[in-house]
Protein backbone atom coordinates (compact mmCIF):
# COMPACT_ATOMS: atom_id res chain seq x y z
CA MET A 1 -188.99 -2.07 38.78
CA ARG A 2 -192.21 -0.56 37.51
CA ASP A 3 -192.36 2.31 35.06
CA PHE A 4 -194.44 5.43 35.74
CA LYS A 5 -197.52 4.16 33.92
CA GLU A 6 -197.56 1.03 36.09
CA ILE A 7 -197.03 3.14 39.21
CA VAL A 8 -200.02 5.29 38.23
CA VAL A 9 -202.17 2.15 38.09
CA GLU A 10 -201.05 1.20 41.60
CA LEU A 11 -201.68 4.73 42.87
CA LYS A 12 -205.18 4.66 41.40
CA LEU A 13 -205.90 1.36 43.15
CA TYR A 14 -204.65 2.79 46.45
CA LEU A 15 -206.68 5.99 46.08
CA LYS A 16 -209.77 4.02 45.01
CA GLU A 17 -209.72 2.16 48.32
CA ARG A 18 -209.90 5.49 50.15
CA LYS A 19 -212.46 7.23 47.95
CA ASP A 20 -214.58 4.26 46.87
CA LYS A 21 -215.16 5.86 43.46
CA LYS A 22 -213.43 5.98 40.10
CA VAL A 23 -210.03 7.66 40.36
CA LEU A 24 -208.91 9.80 37.44
CA ASP A 25 -205.49 11.08 36.42
CA LYS A 26 -206.36 14.47 37.91
CA ASP A 27 -206.87 12.77 41.30
CA VAL A 28 -203.45 11.15 41.09
CA ALA A 29 -201.91 14.48 40.05
CA MET A 30 -203.49 16.18 43.05
CA ALA A 31 -202.29 13.39 45.37
CA LEU A 32 -198.75 13.84 44.03
CA ASP A 33 -199.00 17.62 44.49
CA MET A 34 -198.57 18.54 40.82
CA SER A 35 -200.65 20.16 38.12
CA GLN A 36 -202.67 18.08 35.70
CA SER A 37 -200.60 19.31 32.76
CA GLN A 38 -197.32 18.46 34.50
CA PHE A 39 -198.69 15.00 35.35
CA ALA A 40 -199.86 14.46 31.75
CA THR A 41 -196.45 15.42 30.40
CA LEU A 42 -194.64 13.06 32.77
CA LYS A 43 -197.07 10.25 31.98
CA ARG A 44 -196.69 10.76 28.23
CA ARG A 45 -192.88 10.69 28.59
CA ASN A 46 -193.11 7.81 31.07
CA SER A 47 -190.87 9.84 33.38
CA THR A 48 -191.27 8.97 37.07
CA PRO A 49 -191.49 11.89 39.57
CA TYR A 50 -189.67 10.08 42.38
CA VAL A 51 -189.65 12.99 44.83
CA ASN A 52 -193.41 13.50 44.55
CA ILE A 53 -194.09 9.79 44.97
CA LEU A 54 -191.78 9.50 47.98
CA LYS A 55 -193.46 12.50 49.64
CA PHE A 56 -196.86 10.93 48.99
CA CYS A 57 -195.72 7.62 50.51
CA LYS A 58 -194.36 9.40 53.57
CA ASP A 59 -197.56 11.40 54.09
CA GLU A 60 -199.73 8.31 53.65
CA GLU A 61 -197.38 6.06 55.66
CA LEU A 62 -197.23 3.79 52.64
CA CYS A 63 -194.25 1.57 51.86
CA CYS A 64 -192.82 2.93 48.62
CA SER A 65 -191.53 -0.48 47.59
CA GLU A 66 -195.17 -1.50 47.06
CA LEU A 67 -195.40 1.15 44.33
CA PHE A 68 -191.98 0.81 42.75
CA PHE A 69 -191.62 -2.98 42.70
CA GLU A 70 -193.90 -5.79 41.61
CA ARG A 71 -195.13 -8.23 44.23
CA VAL A 72 -193.59 -11.66 43.99
């Protein structure tokens, strides 16, 4: 299972496909419906906000296993 920092990388790749530009941490924070400071704190602690990620996956119709688990 991926840690939060690895999940952020996957989220950035997903968002980059939609925006076709560089995706910053603030873009990921906005996508997860949280403030930049809250996101930065969670990232520094490597603490995964599961509820926010699951809501994002539901809204985007994205399979959450693609974010949480590495592809084999």
